[in-house]
Amino acid sequence: LAIRQDRWCWPAAAASAAIYLVLFARGGLP
């Protein structure tokens, strides 16, 4: 979406990062 310069790339990025945040926190990687 960023390549296409579509504004909806940002919610996709935030959702991906939110999932990783939880996974890293649970994995002991603060």
PDB file of all heavy atoms in Angstrom:
ATOM      1  N   LEU A   1       0.828  -1.208   0.000  1.00  0.00           N
ATOM      2  CA  LEU A   1       0.000   0.000   0.000  1.00  0.00           C
ATOM      3  C   LEU A   1       0.864   1.261   0.000  1.00  0.00           C
ATOM      4  O   LEU A   1       0.504   2.258  -0.646  1.00  0.00           O
ATOM      5  CB  LEU A   1      -0.941  -0.005   1.209  1.00  0.00           C
ATOM      6  CG  LEU A   1      -2.066  -1.036   1.135  1.00  0.00           C
ATOM      7  CD1 LEU A   1      -2.727  -1.189   2.499  1.00  0.00           C
ATOM      8  CD2 LEU A   1      -3.075  -0.646   0.075  1.00  0.00           C
ATOM      9  N   ALA A   2       1.995   1.228   0.683  1.00  0.00           N
ATOM     10  CA  ALA A   2       2.891   2.387   0.686  1.00  0.00           C
ATOM     11  C   ALA A   2       3.477   2.619  -0.702  1.00  0.00           C
ATOM     12  O   ALA A   2       3.630   3.769  -1.135  1.00  0.00           O
ATOM     13  CB  ALA A   2       3.997   2.196   1.715  1.00  0.00           C
ATOM     14  N   ILE A   3       3.804   1.541  -1.405  1.00  0.00           N
ATOM     15  CA  ILE A   3       4.303   1.673  -2.777  1.00  0.00           C
ATOM     16  C   ILE A   3       3.263   2.371  -3.647  1.00  0.00           C
ATOM     17  O   ILE A   3       3.602   3.217  -4.477  1.00  0.00           O
ATOM     18  CB  ILE A   3       4.668   0.284  -3.355  1.00  0.00           C
ATOM     19  CG1 ILE A   3       5.934  -0.240  -2.681  1.00  0.00           C
ATOM     20  CG2 ILE A   3       4.841   0.345  -4.870  1.00  0.00           C
ATOM     21  CD1 ILE A   3       6.233  -1.688  -2.997  1.00  0.00           C
ATOM     22  N   ARG A   4       1.993   2.028  -3.425  1.00  0.00           N
ATOM     23  CA  ARG A   4       0.903   2.648  -4.192  1.00  0.00           C
ATOM     24  C   ARG A   4       0.523   4.019  -3.648  1.00  0.00           C
ATOM     25  O   ARG A   4      -0.374   4.670  -4.161  1.00  0.00           O
ATOM     26  CB  ARG A   4      -0.324   1.739  -4.162  1.00  0.00           C
ATOM     27  CG  ARG A   4      -0.092   0.435  -4.911  1.00  0.00           C
ATOM     28  CD  ARG A   4      -1.279  -0.487  -4.833  1.00  0.00           C
ATOM     29  NE  ARG A   4      -2.487   0.210  -5.226  1.00  0.00           N
ATOM     30  CZ  ARG A   4      -3.712  -0.134  -4.831  1.00  0.00           C
ATOM     31  NH1 ARG A   4      -3.880  -1.169  -4.034  1.00  0.00           N
ATOM     32  NH2 ARG A   4      -4.760   0.533  -5.233  1.00  0.00           N
ATOM     33  N   GLN A   5       1.195   4.449  -2.581  1.00  0.00           N
ATOM     34  CA  GLN A   5       0.928   5.717  -1.901  1.00  0.00           C
ATOM     35  C   GLN A   5      -0.518   5.803  -1.438  1.00  0.00           C
ATOM     36  O   GLN A   5      -1.184   6.828  -1.567  1.00  0.00           O
ATOM     37  CB  GLN A   5       1.299   6.899  -2.792  1.00  0.00           C
ATOM     38  CG  GLN A   5       2.772   6.937  -3.104  1.00  0.00           C
ATOM     39  CD  GLN A   5       3.157   8.137  -3.937  1.00  0.00           C
ATOM     40  OE1 GLN A   5       2.326   8.909  -4.406  1.00  0.00           O
ATOM     41  NE2 GLN A   5       4.456   8.318  -4.122  1.00  0.00           N
ATOM     42  N   ASP A   6      -0.985   4.698  -0.885  1.00  0.00           N
ATOM     43  CA  ASP A   6      -2.345   4.596  -0.354  1.00  0.00           C
ATOM     44  C   ASP A   6      -2.298   4.848   1.153  1.00  0.00           C
ATOM     45  O   ASP A   6      -1.516   4.224   1.880  1.00  0.00           O
ATOM     46  CB  ASP A   6      -2.896   3.195  -0.637  1.00  0.00           C
ATOM     47  CG  ASP A   6      -4.363   3.044  -0.293  1.00  0.00           C
ATOM     48  OD1 ASP A   6      -4.840   3.712   0.639  1.00  0.00           O
ATOM     49  OD2 ASP A   6      -5.020   2.236  -0.962  1.00  0.00           O
ATOM     50  N   ARG A   7      -3.122   5.750   1.603  1.00  0.00           N
ATOM     51  CA  ARG A   7      -3.151   6.122   3.019  1.00  0.00           C
ATOM     52  C   ARG A   7      -3.455   4.951   3.936  1.00  0.00           C
ATOM     53  O   ARG A   7      -3.081   4.953   5.110  1.00  0.00           O
ATOM     54  CB  ARG A   7      -4.201   7.221   3.205  1.00  0.00           C
ATOM     55  CG  ARG A   7      -4.296   7.752   4.589  1.00  0.00           C
ATOM     56  CD  ARG A   7      -5.290   8.897   4.627  1.00  0.00           C
ATOM     57  NE  ARG A   7      -5.378   9.424   5.969  1.00  0.00           N
ATOM     58  CZ  ARG A   7      -6.490   9.811   6.533  1.00  0.00           C
ATOM     59  NH1 ARG A   7      -7.621   9.750   5.860  1.00  0.00           N
ATOM     60  NH2 ARG A   7      -6.500  10.281   7.747  1.00  0.00           N
ATOM     61  N   TRP A   8      -4.103   3.900   3.436  1.00  0.00           N
ATOM     62  CA  TRP A   8      -4.470   2.751   4.262  1.00  0.00           C
ATOM     63  C   TRP A   8      -3.269   1.891   4.640  1.00  0.00           C
ATOM     64  O   TRP A   8      -3.414   0.916   5.376  1.00  0.00           O
ATOM     65  CB  TRP A   8      -5.554   1.934   3.576  1.00  0.00           C
ATOM     66  CG  TRP A   8      -6.858   2.661   3.638  1.00  0.00           C
ATOM     67  CD1 TRP A   8      -7.399   3.455   2.671  1.00  0.00           C
ATOM     68  CD2 TRP A   8      -7.734   2.736   4.760  1.00  0.00           C
ATOM     69  NE1 TRP A   8      -8.581   4.000   3.114  1.00  0.00           N
ATOM     70  CE2 TRP A   8      -8.804   3.577   4.399  1.00  0.00           C
ATOM     71  CE3 TRP A   8      -7.725   2.172   6.036  1.00  0.00           C
ATOM     72  CZ2 TRP A   8      -9.854   3.864   5.267  1.00  0.00           C
ATOM     73  CZ3 TRP A   8      -8.771   2.457   6.897  1.00  0.00           C
ATOM     74  CH2 TRP A   8      -9.802   3.290   6.501  1.00  0.00           C
ATOM     75  N   CYS A   9      -2.085   2.267   4.165  1.00  0.00           N
ATOM     76  CA  CYS A   9      -0.890   1.549   4.599  1.00  0.00           C
ATOM     77  C   CYS A   9      -0.661   1.729   6.096  1.00  0.00           C
ATOM     78  O   CYS A   9      -0.179   0.816   6.775  1.00  0.00           O
ATOM     79  CB  CYS A   9       0.340   1.987   3.814  1.00  0.00           C
ATOM     80  SG  CYS A   9       0.912   3.666   4.125  1.00  0.00           S
ATOM     81  N   TRP A  10      -1.059   2.883   6.632  1.00  0.00           N
ATOM     82  CA  TRP A  10      -0.782   3.179   8.045  1.00  0.00           C
ATOM     83  C   TRP A  10      -1.579   2.321   9.012  1.00  0.00           C
ATOM     84  O   TRP A  10      -1.006   1.827   9.997  1.00  0.00           O
ATOM     85  CB  TRP A  10      -0.972   4.675   8.313  1.00  0.00           C
ATOM     86  CG  TRP A  10      -0.022   5.473   7.488  1.00  0.00           C
ATOM     87  CD1 TRP A  10      -0.336   6.325   6.466  1.00  0.00           C
ATOM     88  CD2 TRP A  10       1.404   5.459   7.556  1.00  0.00           C
ATOM     89  NE1 TRP A  10       0.808   6.836   5.910  1.00  0.00           N
ATOM     90  CE2 TRP A  10       1.893   6.325   6.563  1.00  0.00           C
ATOM     91  CE3 TRP A  10       2.325   4.790   8.369  1.00  0.00           C
ATOM     92  CZ2 TRP A  10       3.251   6.545   6.363  1.00  0.00           C
ATOM     93  CZ3 TRP A  10       3.680   5.010   8.168  1.00  0.00           C
ATOM     94  CH2 TRP A  10       4.132   5.878   7.175  1.00  0.00           C
ATOM     95  N   PRO A  11      -2.859   2.076   8.808  1.00  0.00           N
ATOM     96  CA  PRO A  11      -3.548   1.134   9.701  1.00  0.00           C
ATOM     97  C   PRO A  11      -2.968  -0.278   9.621  1.00  0.00           C
ATOM     98  O   PRO A  11      -2.895  -0.976  10.639  1.00  0.00           O
ATOM     99  CB  PRO A  11      -4.998   1.168   9.225  1.00  0.00           C
ATOM    100  CG  PRO A  11      -5.159   2.486   8.559  1.00  0.00           C
ATOM    101  CD  PRO A  11      -3.827   2.775   7.936  1.00  0.00           C
ATOM    102  N   ALA A  12      -2.548  -0.693   8.428  1.00  0.00           N
ATOM    103  CA  ALA A  12      -1.931  -2.013   8.295  1.00  0.00           C
ATOM    104  C   ALA A  12      -0.634  -2.069   9.094  1.00  0.00           C
ATOM    105  O   ALA A  12      -0.360  -3.057   9.790  1.00  0.00           O
ATOM    106  CB  ALA A  12      -1.676  -2.337   6.830  1.00  0.00           C
ATOM    107  N   ALA A  13       0.158  -1.016   9.022  1.00  0.00           N
ATOM    108  CA  ALA A  13       1.409  -0.960   9.781  1.00  0.00           C
ATOM    109  C   ALA A  13       1.140  -0.971  11.286  1.00  0.00           C
ATOM    110  O   ALA A  13       1.822  -1.669  12.044  1.00  0.00           O
ATOM    111  CB  ALA A  13       2.201   0.287   9.404  1.00  0.00           C
ATOM    112  N   ALA A  14       0.165  -0.191  11.716  1.00  0.00           N
ATOM    113  CA  ALA A  14      -0.154  -0.125  13.150  1.00  0.00           C
ATOM    114  C   ALA A  14      -0.660  -1.468  13.663  1.00  0.00           C
ATOM    115  O   ALA A  14      -0.269  -1.904  14.756  1.00  0.00           O
ATOM    116  CB  ALA A  14      -1.186   0.970  13.413  1.00  0.00           C
ATOM    117  N   ALA A  15      -1.502  -2.128  12.888  1.00  0.00           N
ATOM    118  CA  ALA A  15      -2.030  -3.422  13.322  1.00  0.00           C
ATOM    119  C   ALA A  15      -0.920  -4.464  13.397  1.00  0.00           C
ATOM    120  O   ALA A  15      -0.850  -5.246  14.351  1.00  0.00           O
ATOM    121  CB  ALA A  15      -3.128  -3.883  12.356  1.00  0.00           C
ATOM    122  N   SER A  16      -0.039  -4.464  12.408  1.00  0.00           N
ATOM    123  CA  SER A  16       1.090  -5.387  12.423  1.00  0.00           C
ATOM    124  C   SER A  16       1.977  -5.136  13.635  1.00  0.00           C
ATOM    125  O   SER A  16       2.354  -6.070  14.357  1.00  0.00           O
ATOM    126  CB  SER A  16       1.915  -5.237  11.142  1.00  0.00           C
ATOM    127  OG  SER A  16       3.054  -6.051  11.176  1.00  0.00           O
ATOM    128  N   ALA A  17       2.304  -3.887  13.878  1.00  0.00           N
ATOM    129  CA  ALA A  17       3.155  -3.544  15.020  1.00  0.00           C
ATOM    130  C   ALA A  17       2.476  -3.883  16.343  1.00  0.00           C
ATOM    131  O   ALA A  17       3.141  -4.312  17.291  1.00  0.00           O
ATOM    132  CB  ALA A  17       3.519  -2.061  14.974  1.00  0.00           C
ATOM    133  N   ALA A  18       1.158  -3.718  16.426  1.00  0.00           N
ATOM    134  CA  ALA A  18       0.442  -4.045  17.660  1.00  0.00           C
ATOM    135  C   ALA A  18       0.521  -5.550  17.954  1.00  0.00           C
ATOM    136  O   ALA A  18       0.712  -5.953  19.108  1.00  0.00           O
ATOM    137  CB  ALA A  18      -1.012  -3.603  17.557  1.00  0.00           C
ATOM    138  N   ILE A  19       0.397  -6.346  16.908  1.00  0.00           N
ATOM    139  CA  ILE A  19       0.511  -7.798  17.109  1.00  0.00           C
ATOM    140  C   ILE A  19       1.925  -8.144  17.562  1.00  0.00           C
ATOM    141  O   ILE A  19       2.126  -8.908  18.510  1.00  0.00           O
ATOM    142  CB  ILE A  19       0.136  -8.554  15.822  1.00  0.00           C
ATOM    143  CG1 ILE A  19      -1.347  -8.368  15.526  1.00  0.00           C
ATOM    144  CG2 ILE A  19       0.469 -10.044  15.954  1.00  0.00           C
ATOM    145  CD1 ILE A  19      -1.777  -8.850  14.152  1.00  0.00           C
ATOM    146  N   TYR A  20       2.919  -7.567  16.884  1.00  0.00           N
ATOM    147  CA  TYR A  20       4.306  -7.831  17.278  1.00  0.00           C
ATOM    148  C   TYR A  20       4.586  -7.341  18.695  1.00  0.00           C
ATOM    149  O   TYR A  20       5.330  -7.985  19.441  1.00  0.00           O
ATOM    150  CB  TYR A  20       5.277  -7.194  16.301  1.00  0.00           C
ATOM    151  CG  TYR A  20       5.498  -7.995  15.050  1.00  0.00           C
ATOM    152  CD1 TYR A  20       5.289  -7.427  13.800  1.00  0.00           C
ATOM    153  CD2 TYR A  20       5.925  -9.313  15.100  1.00  0.00           C
ATOM    154  CE1 TYR A  20       5.502  -8.156  12.644  1.00  0.00           C
ATOM    155  CE2 TYR A  20       6.136 -10.054  13.950  1.00  0.00           C
ATOM    156  CZ  TYR A  20       5.926  -9.462  12.732  1.00  0.00           C
ATOM    157  OH  TYR A  20       6.131 -10.188  11.591  1.00  0.00           O
ATOM    158  N   LEU A  21       4.003  -6.214  19.069  1.00  0.00           N
ATOM    159  CA  LEU A  21       4.182  -5.700  20.430  1.00  0.00           C
ATOM    160  C   LEU A  21       3.758  -6.753  21.453  1.00  0.00           C
ATOM    161  O   LEU A  21       4.488  -7.052  22.404  1.00  0.00           O
ATOM    162  CB  LEU A  21       3.393  -4.406  20.621  1.00  0.00           C
ATOM    163  CG  LEU A  21       3.561  -3.686  21.939  1.00  0.00           C
ATOM    164  CD1 LEU A  21       3.399  -2.195  21.725  1.00  0.00           C
ATOM    165  CD2 LEU A  21       2.581  -4.134  22.986  1.00  0.00           C
ATOM    166  N   VAL A  22       2.591  -7.322  21.254  1.00  0.00           N
ATOM    167  CA  VAL A  22       2.085  -8.352  22.176  1.00  0.00           C
ATOM    168  C   VAL A  22       2.990  -9.581  22.157  1.00  0.00           C
ATOM    169  O   VAL A  22       3.352 -10.112  23.209  1.00  0.00           O
ATOM    170  CB  VAL A  22       0.627  -8.724  21.818  1.00  0.00           C
ATOM    171  CG1 VAL A  22       0.166  -9.928  22.624  1.00  0.00           C
ATOM    172  CG2 VAL A  22      -0.295  -7.538  22.047  1.00  0.00           C
ATOM    173  N   LEU A  23       3.373 -10.016  20.972  1.00  0.00           N
ATOM    174  CA  LEU A  23       4.219 -11.205  20.869  1.00  0.00           C
ATOM    175  C   LEU A  23       5.573 -10.998  21.541  1.00  0.00           C
ATOM    176  O   LEU A  23       6.062 -11.881  22.263  1.00  0.00           O
ATOM    177  CB  LEU A  23       4.417 -11.596  19.400  1.00  0.00           C
ATOM    178  CG  LEU A  23       3.178 -12.095  18.671  1.00  0.00           C
ATOM    179  CD1 LEU A  23       3.470 -12.281  17.188  1.00  0.00           C
ATOM    180  CD2 LEU A  23       2.674 -13.389  19.290  1.00  0.00           C
ATOM    181  N   PHE A  24       6.176  -9.837  21.325  1.00  0.00           N
ATOM    182  CA  PHE A  24       7.470  -9.574  21.943  1.00  0.00           C
ATOM    183  C   PHE A  24       7.344  -9.425  23.450  1.00  0.00           C
ATOM    184  O   PHE A  24       8.204  -9.894  24.200  1.00  0.00           O
ATOM    185  CB  PHE A  24       8.111  -8.327  21.347  1.00  0.00           C
ATOM    186  CG  PHE A  24       8.627  -8.514  19.947  1.00  0.00           C
ATOM    187  CD1 PHE A  24       8.481  -7.516  19.006  1.00  0.00           C
ATOM    188  CD2 PHE A  24       9.259  -9.688  19.562  1.00  0.00           C
ATOM    189  CE1 PHE A  24       8.958  -7.677  17.714  1.00  0.00           C
ATOM    190  CE2 PHE A  24       9.736  -9.865  18.274  1.00  0.00           C
ATOM    191  CZ  PHE A  24       9.597  -8.851  17.347  1.00  0.00           C
ATOM    192  N   ALA A  25       6.280  -8.772  23.903  1.00  0.00           N
ATOM    193  CA  ALA A  25       6.083  -8.623  25.350  1.00  0.00           C
ATOM    194  C   ALA A  25       5.904  -9.988  26.014  1.00  0.00           C
ATOM    195  O   ALA A  25       6.506 -10.264  27.058  1.00  0.00           O
ATOM    196  CB  ALA A  25       4.888  -7.726  25.634  1.00  0.00           C
ATOM    197  N   ARG A  26       5.106 -10.837  25.392  1.00  0.00           N
ATOM    198  CA  ARG A  26       4.904 -12.188  25.930  1.00  0.00           C
ATOM    199  C   ARG A  26       6.167 -13.036  25.847  1.00  0.00           C
ATOM    200  O   ARG A  26       6.366 -13.933  26.655  1.00  0.00           O
ATOM    201  CB  ARG A  26       3.766 -12.891  25.201  1.00  0.00           C
ATOM    202  CG  ARG A  26       2.412 -12.358  25.530  1.00  0.00           C
ATOM    203  CD  ARG A  26       1.345 -13.152  24.819  1.00  0.00           C
ATOM    204  NE  ARG A  26       0.024 -12.621  25.115  1.00  0.00           N
ATOM    205  CZ  ARG A  26      -1.079 -13.006  24.506  1.00  0.00           C
ATOM    206  NH1 ARG A  26      -1.029 -13.941  23.569  1.00  0.00           N
ATOM    207  NH2 ARG A  26      -2.234 -12.476  24.824  1.00  0.00           N
ATOM    208  N   GLY A  27       7.009 -12.741  24.863  1.00  0.00           N
ATOM    209  CA  GLY A  27       8.240 -13.501  24.678  1.00  0.00           C
ATOM    210  C   GLY A  27       9.396 -13.016  25.531  1.00  0.00           C
ATOM    211  O   GLY A  27      10.505 -13.519  25.402  1.00  0.00           O
ATOM    212  N   GLY A  28       9.151 -12.042  26.380  1.00  0.00           N
ATOM    213  CA  GLY A  28      10.200 -11.544  27.261  1.00  0.00           C
ATOM    214  C   GLY A  28      11.205 -10.630  26.573  1.00  0.00           C
ATOM    215  O   GLY A  28      12.367 -10.578  26.966  1.00  0.00           O
ATOM    216  N   LEU A  29      10.764  -9.919  25.560  1.00  0.00           N
ATOM    217  CA  LEU A  29      11.623  -8.985  24.834  1.00  0.00           C
ATOM    218  C   LEU A  29      11.059  -7.568  24.984  1.00  0.00           C
ATOM    219  O   LEU A  29      10.467  -7.004  24.049  1.00  0.00           O
ATOM    220  CB  LEU A  29      11.701  -9.383  23.358  1.00  0.00           C
ATOM    221  CG  LEU A  29      12.292 -10.762  23.090  1.00  0.00           C
ATOM    222  CD1 LEU A  29      12.027 -11.199  21.669  1.00  0.00           C
ATOM    223  CD2 LEU A  29      13.776 -10.767  23.401  1.00  0.00           C
ATOM    224  N   PRO A  30      11.244  -6.966  26.148  1.00  0.00           N
ATOM    225  CA  PRO A  30      10.582  -5.679  26.420  1.00  0.00           C
ATOM    226  C   PRO A  30      11.035  -4.538  25.514  1.00  0.00           C
ATOM    227  O   PRO A  30      10.214  -3.707  25.124  1.00  0.00           O
ATOM    228  CB  PRO A  30      10.933  -5.398  27.877  1.00  0.00           C
ATOM    229  CG  PRO A  30      12.174  -6.182  28.135  1.00  0.00           C
ATOM    230  CD  PRO A  30      12.066  -7.403  27.275  1.00  0.00           C
TER     231      PRO A  30
END
